[in-house]
Amino acid sequence: REIVMIAVSQDGCALFHAAVHLRADREIVMTAVSQNGNSLGFVVEHLKADREIARVAVSQDGMALRYVATDVKTDREIVIVAVSQNGCTLRNASE
């Protein structure tokens, strides 16, 4: 866990190489998405529905909205944060 935490704090996409149980560790995931929002793509499904994790990921990289759980993509606040960070991400928002 400690090694993975160090790795994702330097490169969030290092989460790709982590064991599944570490991809479900909320603290590790928050560190990873804070460093690289697109690391959300490597997170276990139930954490993709976590609004706080989603908000951090899209504020780091708006394009991370494509990895957010479908029901969270309808959250106006999260979509606004994502689009403010990267206008092109509007295509990833739900109606």
PDB file of N, CA and C in Angstrom:
ATOM      1  N   ARG A   1       0.834  -1.201   0.000  1.00  0.00           N
ATOM      2  CA  ARG A   1       0.000   0.000   0.000  1.00  0.00           C
ATOM      3  C   ARG A   1       0.869   1.252   0.000  1.00  0.00           C
ATOM      4  N   GLU A   2       1.876   1.280   0.831  1.00  0.00           N
ATOM      5  CA  GLU A   2       2.748   2.449   0.926  1.00  0.00           C
ATOM      6  C   GLU A   2       3.456   2.728  -0.407  1.00  0.00           C
ATOM      7  N   ILE A   3       3.912   1.682  -1.050  1.00  0.00           N
ATOM      8  CA  ILE A   3       4.612   1.842  -2.336  1.00  0.00           C
ATOM      9  C   ILE A   3       3.656   2.372  -3.402  1.00  0.00           C
ATOM     10  N   VAL A   4       2.439   1.840  -3.424  1.00  0.00           N
ATOM     11  CA  VAL A   4       1.446   2.303  -4.395  1.00  0.00           C
ATOM     12  C   VAL A   4       1.101   3.768  -4.120  1.00  0.00           C
ATOM     13  N   MET A   5       0.976   4.134  -2.866  1.00  0.00           N
ATOM     14  CA  MET A   5       0.668   5.527  -2.523  1.00  0.00           C
ATOM     15  C   MET A   5       1.768   6.460  -3.027  1.00  0.00           C
ATOM     16  N   ILE A   6       3.001   6.071  -2.862  1.00  0.00           N
ATOM     17  CA  ILE A   6       4.118   6.888  -3.366  1.00  0.00           C
ATOM     18  C   ILE A   6       4.057   6.987  -4.885  1.00  0.00           C
ATOM     19  N   ALA A   7       3.813   5.856  -5.525  1.00  0.00           N
ATOM     20  CA  ALA A   7       3.769   5.829  -6.996  1.00  0.00           C
ATOM     21  C   ALA A   7       2.658   6.718  -7.549  1.00  0.00           C
ATOM     22  N   VAL A   8       1.434   6.602  -7.007  1.00  0.00           N
ATOM     23  CA  VAL A   8       0.319   7.387  -7.550  1.00  0.00           C
ATOM     24  C   VAL A   8       0.425   8.867  -7.199  1.00  0.00           C
ATOM     25  N   SER A   9       1.161   9.188  -6.160  1.00  0.00           N
ATOM     26  CA  SER A   9       1.351  10.606  -5.847  1.00  0.00           C
ATOM     27  C   SER A   9       2.286  11.264  -6.859  1.00  0.00           C
ATOM     28  N   GLN A  10       3.114  10.463  -7.509  1.00  0.00           N
ATOM     29  CA  GLN A  10       4.014  10.972  -8.550  1.00  0.00           C
ATOM     30  C   GLN A  10       3.401  10.858  -9.937  1.00  0.00           C
ATOM     31  N   ASP A  11       2.621   9.799 -10.154  1.00  0.00           N
ATOM     32  CA  ASP A  11       1.962   9.567 -11.438  1.00  0.00           C
ATOM     33  C   ASP A  11       0.667   8.812 -11.163  1.00  0.00           C
ATOM     34  N   GLY A  12      -0.439   9.524 -11.215  1.00  0.00           N
ATOM     35  CA  GLY A  12      -1.732   8.926 -10.912  1.00  0.00           C
ATOM     36  C   GLY A  12      -2.039   7.696 -11.741  1.00  0.00           C
ATOM     37  N   CYS A  13      -1.537   7.655 -12.964  1.00  0.00           N
ATOM     38  CA  CYS A  13      -1.814   6.513 -13.837  1.00  0.00           C
ATOM     39  C   CYS A  13      -1.058   5.255 -13.421  1.00  0.00           C
ATOM     40  N   ALA A  14      -0.181   5.374 -12.447  1.00  0.00           N
ATOM     41  CA  ALA A  14       0.472   4.185 -11.890  1.00  0.00           C
ATOM     42  C   ALA A  14      -0.569   3.277 -11.236  1.00  0.00           C
ATOM     43  N   LEU A  15      -1.747   3.816 -10.984  1.00  0.00           N
ATOM     44  CA  LEU A  15      -2.837   3.029 -10.416  1.00  0.00           C
ATOM     45  C   LEU A  15      -3.164   1.828 -11.305  1.00  0.00           C
ATOM     46  N   PHE A  16      -2.921   1.964 -12.593  1.00  0.00           N
ATOM     47  CA  PHE A  16      -3.143   0.882 -13.560  1.00  0.00           C
ATOM     48  C   PHE A  16      -2.433  -0.403 -13.133  1.00  0.00           C
ATOM     49  N   HIS A  17      -1.272  -0.273 -12.525  1.00  0.00           N
ATOM     50  CA  HIS A  17      -0.451  -1.422 -12.147  1.00  0.00           C
ATOM     51  C   HIS A  17      -0.762  -1.957 -10.752  1.00  0.00           C
ATOM     52  N   ALA A  18      -1.645  -1.297 -10.037  1.00  0.00           N
ATOM     53  CA  ALA A  18      -1.969  -1.685  -8.662  1.00  0.00           C
ATOM     54  C   ALA A  18      -2.951  -2.854  -8.632  1.00  0.00           C
ATOM     55  N   ALA A  19      -2.871  -3.624  -7.561  1.00  0.00           N
ATOM     56  CA  ALA A  19      -3.824  -4.717  -7.353  1.00  0.00           C
ATOM     57  C   ALA A  19      -5.235  -4.146  -7.211  1.00  0.00           C
ATOM     58  N   VAL A  20      -6.225  -4.944  -7.566  1.00  0.00           N
ATOM     59  CA  VAL A  20      -7.619  -4.490  -7.551  1.00  0.00           C
ATOM     60  C   VAL A  20      -8.020  -3.952  -6.181  1.00  0.00           C
ATOM     61  N   HIS A  21      -7.614  -4.605  -5.106  1.00  0.00           N
ATOM     62  CA  HIS A  21      -8.026  -4.125  -3.782  1.00  0.00           C
ATOM     63  C   HIS A  21      -7.451  -2.735  -3.484  1.00  0.00           C
ATOM     64  N   LEU A  22      -6.327  -2.388  -4.105  1.00  0.00           N
ATOM     65  CA  LEU A  22      -5.767  -1.051  -3.913  1.00  0.00           C
ATOM     66  C   LEU A  22      -6.462  -0.031  -4.810  1.00  0.00           C
ATOM     67  N   ARG A  23      -7.019  -0.482  -5.913  1.00  0.00           N
ATOM     68  CA  ARG A  23      -7.808   0.402  -6.774  1.00  0.00           C
ATOM     69  C   ARG A  23      -9.158   0.715  -6.132  1.00  0.00           C
ATOM     70  N   ALA A  24      -9.471  -0.002  -5.071  1.00  0.00           N
ATOM     71  CA  ALA A  24     -10.706   0.221  -4.313  1.00  0.00           C
ATOM     72  C   ALA A  24     -10.431   0.982  -3.014  1.00  0.00           C
ATOM     73  N   ASP A  25      -9.190   1.328  -2.779  1.00  0.00           N
ATOM     74  CA  ASP A  25      -8.799   2.055  -1.569  1.00  0.00           C
ATOM     75  C   ASP A  25      -9.041   3.548  -1.811  1.00  0.00           C
ATOM     76  N   ARG A  26      -9.986   4.110  -1.093  1.00  0.00           N
ATOM     77  CA  ARG A  26     -10.408   5.492  -1.330  1.00  0.00           C
ATOM     78  C   ARG A  26      -9.256   6.489  -1.208  1.00  0.00           C
ATOM     79  N   GLU A  27      -8.397   6.318  -0.245  1.00  0.00           N
ATOM     80  CA  GLU A  27      -7.281   7.253  -0.056  1.00  0.00           C
ATOM     81  C   GLU A  27      -6.302   7.184  -1.235  1.00  0.00           C
ATOM     82  N   ILE A  28      -5.996   5.985  -1.683  1.00  0.00           N
ATOM     83  CA  ILE A  28      -5.103   5.819  -2.831  1.00  0.00           C
ATOM     84  C   ILE A  28      -5.740   6.426  -4.075  1.00  0.00           C
ATOM     85  N   VAL A  29      -7.016   6.159  -4.269  1.00  0.00           N
ATOM     86  CA  VAL A  29      -7.729   6.684  -5.433  1.00  0.00           C
ATOM     87  C   VAL A  29      -7.743   8.214  -5.406  1.00  0.00           C
ATOM     88  N   MET A  30      -8.033   8.816  -4.271  1.00  0.00           N
ATOM     89  CA  MET A  30      -8.050  10.279  -4.175  1.00  0.00           C
ATOM     90  C   MET A  30      -6.674  10.859  -4.510  1.00  0.00           C
ATOM     91  N   THR A  31      -5.638  10.208  -4.053  1.00  0.00           N
ATOM     92  CA  THR A  31      -4.279  10.671  -4.358  1.00  0.00           C
ATOM     93  C   THR A  31      -4.017  10.570  -5.855  1.00  0.00           C
ATOM     94  N   ALA A  32      -4.410   9.454  -6.447  1.00  0.00           N
ATOM     95  CA  ALA A  32      -4.188   9.241  -7.881  1.00  0.00           C
ATOM     96  C   ALA A  32      -4.943  10.262  -8.725  1.00  0.00           C
ATOM     97  N   VAL A  33      -6.236  10.455  -8.466  1.00  0.00           N
ATOM     98  CA  VAL A  33      -7.021  11.377  -9.290  1.00  0.00           C
ATOM     99  C   VAL A  33      -6.639  12.833  -9.039  1.00  0.00           C
ATOM    100  N   SER A  34      -6.088  13.124  -7.878  1.00  0.00           N
ATOM    101  CA  SER A  34      -5.588  14.470  -7.614  1.00  0.00           C
ATOM    102  C   SER A  34      -4.363  14.763  -8.484  1.00  0.00           C
ATOM    103  N   GLN A  35      -3.587  13.732  -8.734  1.00  0.00           N
ATOM    104  CA  GLN A  35      -2.382  13.883  -9.540  1.00  0.00           C
ATOM    105  C   GLN A  35      -2.711  13.816 -11.038  1.00  0.00           C
ATOM    106  N   ASN A  36      -3.618  12.927 -11.401  1.00  0.00           N
ATOM    107  CA  ASN A  36      -4.009  12.764 -12.812  1.00  0.00           C
ATOM    108  C   ASN A  36      -5.468  12.314 -12.842  1.00  0.00           C
ATOM    109  N   GLY A  37      -6.341  13.204 -13.224  1.00  0.00           N
ATOM    110  CA  GLY A  37      -7.770  12.906 -13.226  1.00  0.00           C
ATOM    111  C   GLY A  37      -8.144  11.685 -14.043  1.00  0.00           C
ATOM    112  N   ASN A  38      -7.393  11.430 -15.107  1.00  0.00           N
ATOM    113  CA  ASN A  38      -7.712  10.296 -15.963  1.00  0.00           C
ATOM    114  C   ASN A  38      -7.402   8.945 -15.330  1.00  0.00           C
ATOM    115  N   SER A  39      -6.723   8.950 -14.210  1.00  0.00           N
ATOM    116  CA  SER A  39      -6.499   7.687 -13.502  1.00  0.00           C
ATOM    117  C   SER A  39      -7.819   7.123 -12.988  1.00  0.00           C
ATOM    118  N   LEU A  40      -8.873   7.923 -13.018  1.00  0.00           N
ATOM    119  CA  LEU A  40     -10.205   7.441 -12.646  1.00  0.00           C
ATOM    120  C   LEU A  40     -10.601   6.238 -13.509  1.00  0.00           C
ATOM    121  N   GLY A  41     -10.046   6.148 -14.683  1.00  0.00           N
ATOM    122  CA  GLY A  41     -10.330   5.020 -15.569  1.00  0.00           C
ATOM    123  C   GLY A  41      -9.869   3.685 -15.021  1.00  0.00           C
ATOM    124  N   PHE A  42      -8.979   3.694 -14.038  1.00  0.00           N
ATOM    125  CA  PHE A  42      -8.441   2.456 -13.460  1.00  0.00           C
ATOM    126  C   PHE A  42      -9.064   2.101 -12.110  1.00  0.00           C
ATOM    127  N   VAL A  43     -10.041   2.877 -11.693  1.00  0.00           N
ATOM    128  CA  VAL A  43     -10.658   2.742 -10.378  1.00  0.00           C
ATOM    129  C   VAL A  43     -11.802   1.721 -10.437  1.00  0.00           C
ATOM    130  N   VAL A  44     -12.046   1.031  -9.329  1.00  0.00           N
ATOM    131  CA  VAL A  44     -13.179   0.100  -9.278  1.00  0.00           C
ATOM    132  C   VAL A  44     -14.479   0.883  -9.472  1.00  0.00           C
ATOM    133  N   GLU A  45     -15.474   0.213 -10.027  1.00  0.00           N
ATOM    134  CA  GLU A  45     -16.713   0.871 -10.452  1.00  0.00           C
ATOM    135  C   GLU A  45     -17.415   1.666  -9.355  1.00  0.00           C
ATOM    136  N   HIS A  46     -17.516   1.119  -8.139  1.00  0.00           N
ATOM    137  CA  HIS A  46     -18.290   1.837  -7.119  1.00  0.00           C
ATOM    138  C   HIS A  46     -17.649   3.174  -6.735  1.00  0.00           C
ATOM    139  N   LEU A  47     -16.348   3.315  -6.889  1.00  0.00           N
ATOM    140  CA  LEU A  47     -15.720   4.596  -6.578  1.00  0.00           C
ATOM    141  C   LEU A  47     -15.868   5.596  -7.720  1.00  0.00           C
ATOM    142  N   LYS A  48     -16.182   5.125  -8.914  1.00  0.00           N
ATOM    143  CA  LYS A  48     -16.461   6.033 -10.027  1.00  0.00           C
ATOM    144  C   LYS A  48     -17.785   6.754  -9.798  1.00  0.00           C
ATOM    145  N   ALA A  49     -18.584   6.240  -8.883  1.00  0.00           N
ATOM    146  CA  ALA A  49     -19.861   6.860  -8.532  1.00  0.00           C
ATOM    147  C   ALA A  49     -19.741   7.780  -7.315  1.00  0.00           C
ATOM    148  N   ASP A  50     -18.558   7.874  -6.744  1.00  0.00           N
ATOM    149  CA  ASP A  50     -18.311   8.729  -5.579  1.00  0.00           C
ATOM    150  C   ASP A  50     -18.169  10.171  -6.072  1.00  0.00           C
ATOM    151  N   ARG A  51     -19.086  11.025  -5.665  1.00  0.00           N
ATOM    152  CA  ARG A  51     -19.105  12.396  -6.179  1.00  0.00           C
ATOM    153  C   ARG A  51     -17.861  13.199  -5.796  1.00  0.00           C
ATOM    154  N   GLU A  52     -17.331  12.978  -4.627  1.00  0.00           N
ATOM    155  CA  GLU A  52     -16.128  13.711  -4.222  1.00  0.00           C
ATOM    156  C   GLU A  52     -14.933  13.302  -5.087  1.00  0.00           C
ATOM    157  N   ILE A  53     -14.779  12.001  -5.321  1.00  0.00           N
ATOM    158  CA  ILE A  53     -13.692  11.523  -6.171  1.00  0.00           C
ATOM    159  C   ILE A  53     -13.878  12.061  -7.586  1.00  0.00           C
ATOM    160  N   ALA A  54     -15.108  12.019  -8.090  1.00  0.00           N
ATOM    161  CA  ALA A  54     -15.393  12.526  -9.432  1.00  0.00           C
ATOM    162  C   ALA A  54     -15.052  14.008  -9.537  1.00  0.00           C
ATOM    163  N   ARG A  55     -15.430  14.778  -8.535  1.00  0.00           N
ATOM    164  CA  ARG A  55     -15.171  16.224  -8.551  1.00  0.00           C
ATOM    165  C   ARG A  55     -13.667  16.505  -8.587  1.00  0.00           C
ATOM    166  N   VAL A  56     -12.908  15.780  -7.791  1.00  0.00           N
ATOM    167  CA  VAL A  56     -11.455  15.967  -7.776  1.00  0.00           C
ATOM    168  C   VAL A  56     -10.860  15.585  -9.134  1.00  0.00           C
ATOM    169  N   ALA A  57     -11.310  14.473  -9.688  1.00  0.00           N
ATOM    170  CA  ALA A  57     -10.780  14.004 -10.973  1.00  0.00           C
ATOM    171  C   ALA A  57     -11.054  15.002 -12.083  1.00  0.00           C
ATOM    172  N   VAL A  58     -12.290  15.489 -12.191  1.00  0.00           N
ATOM    173  CA  VAL A  58     -12.622  16.401 -13.290  1.00  0.00           C
ATOM    174  C   VAL A  58     -12.049  17.794 -13.083  1.00  0.00           C
ATOM    175  N   SER A  59     -11.772  18.161 -11.845  1.00  0.00           N
ATOM    176  CA  SER A  59     -11.132  19.458 -11.630  1.00  0.00           C
ATOM    177  C   SER A  59      -9.657  19.394 -12.019  1.00  0.00           C
ATOM    178  N   GLN A  60      -9.079  18.203 -11.952  1.00  0.00           N
ATOM    179  CA  GLN A  60      -7.691  18.023 -12.386  1.00  0.00           C
ATOM    180  C   GLN A  60      -7.630  17.913 -13.907  1.00  0.00           C
ATOM    181  N   ASP A  61      -8.574  17.191 -14.496  1.00  0.00           N
ATOM    182  CA  ASP A  61      -8.655  17.043 -15.952  1.00  0.00           C
ATOM    183  C   ASP A  61     -10.123  16.831 -16.324  1.00  0.00           C
ATOM    184  N   GLY A  62     -10.710  17.816 -16.931  1.00  0.00           N
ATOM    185  CA  GLY A  62     -12.124  17.749 -17.288  1.00  0.00           C
ATOM    186  C   GLY A  62     -12.493  16.526 -18.109  1.00  0.00           C
ATOM    187  N   MET A  63     -11.559  16.035 -18.913  1.00  0.00           N
ATOM    188  CA  MET A  63     -11.833  14.871 -19.747  1.00  0.00           C
ATOM    189  C   MET A  63     -12.047  13.602 -18.923  1.00  0.00           C
ATOM    190  N   ALA A  64     -11.706  13.631 -17.655  1.00  0.00           N
ATOM    191  CA  ALA A  64     -11.945  12.482 -16.773  1.00  0.00           C
ATOM    192  C   ALA A  64     -13.435  12.208 -16.612  1.00  0.00           C
ATOM    193  N   LEU A  65     -14.275  13.150 -17.015  1.00  0.00           N
ATOM    194  CA  LEU A  65     -15.723  12.955 -16.930  1.00  0.00           C
ATOM    195  C   LEU A  65     -16.148  11.689 -17.680  1.00  0.00           C
ATOM    196  N   ARG A  66     -15.397  11.300 -18.686  1.00  0.00           N
ATOM    197  CA  ARG A  66     -15.755  10.093 -19.455  1.00  0.00           C
ATOM    198  C   ARG A  66     -15.704   8.833 -18.602  1.00  0.00           C
ATOM    199  N   TYR A  67     -14.974   8.857 -17.475  1.00  0.00           N
ATOM    200  CA  TYR A  67     -14.842   7.688 -16.611  1.00  0.00           C
ATOM    201  C   TYR A  67     -15.802   7.694 -15.425  1.00  0.00           C
ATOM    202  N   VAL A  68     -16.479   8.801 -15.214  1.00  0.00           N
ATOM    203  CA  VAL A  68     -17.390   8.953 -14.078  1.00  0.00           C
ATOM    204  C   VAL A  68     -18.633   8.080 -14.311  1.00  0.00           C
ATOM    205  N   ALA A  69     -19.179   7.529 -13.237  1.00  0.00           N
ATOM    206  CA  ALA A  69     -20.390   6.709 -13.334  1.00  0.00           C
ATOM    207  C   ALA A  69     -21.514   7.514 -13.992  1.00  0.00           C
ATOM    208  N   THR A  70     -22.345   6.821 -14.733  1.00  0.00           N
ATOM    209  CA  THR A  70     -23.410   7.456 -15.513  1.00  0.00           C
ATOM    210  C   THR A  70     -24.300   8.378 -14.685  1.00  0.00           C
ATOM    211  N   ASP A  71     -24.714   7.949 -13.503  1.00  0.00           N
ATOM    212  CA  ASP A  71     -25.602   8.790 -12.696  1.00  0.00           C
ATOM    213  C   ASP A  71     -24.909  10.051 -12.204  1.00  0.00           C
ATOM    214  N   VAL A  72     -23.592  10.015 -12.062  1.00  0.00           N
ATOM    215  CA  VAL A  72     -22.842  11.191 -11.610  1.00  0.00           C
ATOM    216  C   VAL A  72     -22.672  12.177 -12.767  1.00  0.00           C
ATOM    217  N   LYS A  73     -22.693  11.684 -13.990  1.00  0.00           N
ATOM    218  CA  LYS A  73     -22.561  12.562 -15.155  1.00  0.00           C
ATOM    219  C   LYS A  73     -23.750  13.506 -15.298  1.00  0.00           C
ATOM    220  N   THR A  74     -24.818  13.246 -14.561  1.00  0.00           N
ATOM    221  CA  THR A  74     -25.975  14.137 -14.587  1.00  0.00           C
ATOM    222  C   THR A  74     -25.900  15.202 -13.484  1.00  0.00           C
ATOM    223  N   ASP A  75     -24.877  15.121 -12.645  1.00  0.00           N
ATOM    224  CA  ASP A  75     -24.699  16.087 -11.557  1.00  0.00           C
ATOM    225  C   ASP A  75     -24.196  17.403 -12.155  1.00  0.00           C
ATOM    226  N   ARG A  76     -25.045  18.393 -12.115  1.00  0.00           N
ATOM    227  CA  ARG A  76     -24.754  19.691 -12.751  1.00  0.00           C
ATOM    228  C   ARG A  76     -23.431  20.281 -12.251  1.00  0.00           C
ATOM    229  N   GLU A  77     -23.196  20.227 -10.956  1.00  0.00           N
ATOM    230  CA  GLU A  77     -21.984  20.810 -10.372  1.00  0.00           C
ATOM    231  C   GLU A  77     -20.725  20.144 -10.939  1.00  0.00           C
ATOM    232  N   ILE A  78     -20.748  18.821 -11.034  1.00  0.00           N
ATOM    233  CA  ILE A  78     -19.577  18.094 -11.540  1.00  0.00           C
ATOM    234  C   ILE A  78     -19.354  18.408 -13.021  1.00  0.00           C
ATOM    235  N   VAL A  79     -20.427  18.468 -13.779  1.00  0.00           N
ATOM    236  CA  VAL A  79     -20.304  18.796 -15.205  1.00  0.00           C
ATOM    237  C   VAL A  79     -19.749  20.210 -15.375  1.00  0.00           C
ATOM    238  N   ILE A  80     -20.207  21.152 -14.572  1.00  0.00           N
ATOM    239  CA  ILE A  80     -19.703  22.527 -14.650  1.00  0.00           C
ATOM    240  C   ILE A  80     -18.213  22.577 -14.346  1.00  0.00           C
ATOM    241  N   VAL A  81     -17.780  21.859 -13.317  1.00  0.00           N
ATOM    242  CA  VAL A  81     -16.352  21.814 -12.985  1.00  0.00           C
ATOM    243  C   VAL A  81     -15.563  21.232 -14.156  1.00  0.00           C
ATOM    244  N   ALA A  82     -16.064  20.137 -14.719  1.00  0.00           N
ATOM    245  CA  ALA A  82     -15.375  19.472 -15.832  1.00  0.00           C
ATOM    246  C   ALA A  82     -15.277  20.385 -17.052  1.00  0.00           C
ATOM    247  N   VAL A  83     -16.383  21.008 -17.416  1.00  0.00           N
ATOM    248  CA  VAL A  83     -16.415  21.870 -18.602  1.00  0.00           C
ATOM    249  C   VAL A  83     -15.579  23.128 -18.370  1.00  0.00           C
ATOM    250  N   SER A  84     -15.551  23.617 -17.142  1.00  0.00           N
ATOM    251  CA  SER A  84     -14.717  24.783 -16.825  1.00  0.00           C
ATOM    252  C   SER A  84     -13.237  24.450 -16.995  1.00  0.00           C
ATOM    253  N   GLN A  85     -12.892  23.210 -16.695  1.00  0.00           N
ATOM    254  CA  GLN A  85     -11.495  22.788 -16.830  1.00  0.00           C
ATOM    255  C   GLN A  85     -11.156  22.516 -18.296  1.00  0.00           C
ATOM    256  N   ASN A  86     -12.103  21.946 -19.042  1.00  0.00           N
ATOM    257  CA  ASN A  86     -11.875  21.604 -20.446  1.00  0.00           C
ATOM    258  C   ASN A  86     -13.217  21.602 -21.170  1.00  0.00           C
ATOM    259  N   GLY A  87     -13.464  22.618 -21.967  1.00  0.00           N
ATOM    260  CA  GLY A  87     -14.744  22.767 -22.642  1.00  0.00           C
ATOM    261  C   GLY A  87     -15.120  21.586 -23.534  1.00  0.00           C
ATOM    262  N   CYS A  88     -14.135  20.900 -24.065  1.00  0.00           N
ATOM    263  CA  CYS A  88     -14.409  19.747 -24.943  1.00  0.00           C
ATOM    264  C   CYS A  88     -15.082  18.580 -24.217  1.00  0.00           C
ATOM    265  N   THR A  89     -15.035  18.611 -22.917  1.00  0.00           N
ATOM    266  CA  THR A  89     -15.594  17.483 -22.155  1.00  0.00           C
ATOM    267  C   THR A  89     -17.118  17.492 -22.150  1.00  0.00           C
ATOM    268  N   LEU A  90     -17.725  18.541 -22.631  1.00  0.00           N
ATOM    269  CA  LEU A  90     -19.196  18.600 -22.664  1.00  0.00           C
ATOM    270  C   LEU A  90     -19.781  17.392 -23.395  1.00  0.00           C
ATOM    271  N   ARG A  91     -19.064  16.863 -24.356  1.00  0.00           N
ATOM    272  CA  ARG A  91     -19.563  15.700 -25.099  1.00  0.00           C
ATOM    273  C   ARG A  91     -19.652  14.454 -24.226  1.00  0.00           C
ATOM    274  N   ASN A  92     -18.991  14.452 -23.068  1.00  0.00           N
ATOM    275  CA  ASN A  92     -19.032  13.302 -22.154  1.00  0.00           C
ATOM    276  C   ASN A  92     -20.107  13.418 -21.078  1.00  0.00           C
ATOM    277  N   ALA A  93     -20.806  14.534 -21.054  1.00  0.00           N
ATOM    278  CA  ALA A  93     -21.846  14.749 -20.037  1.00  0.00           C
ATOM    279  C   ALA A  93     -23.120  14.031 -20.452  1.00  0.00           C
ATOM    280  N   SER A  94     -23.908  13.635 -19.467  1.00  0.00           N
ATOM    281  CA  SER A  94     -25.222  13.045 -19.743  1.00  0.00           C
ATOM    282  C   SER A  94     -26.229  14.174 -19.918  1.00  0.00           C
ATOM    283  N   GLU A  95     -27.311  13.873 -20.578  1.00  0.00           N
ATOM    284  CA  GLU A  95     -28.357  14.866 -20.832  1.00  0.00           C
ATOM    285  C   GLU A  95     -28.996  15.335 -19.551  1.00  0.00           C
TER     286      GLU A  95
END
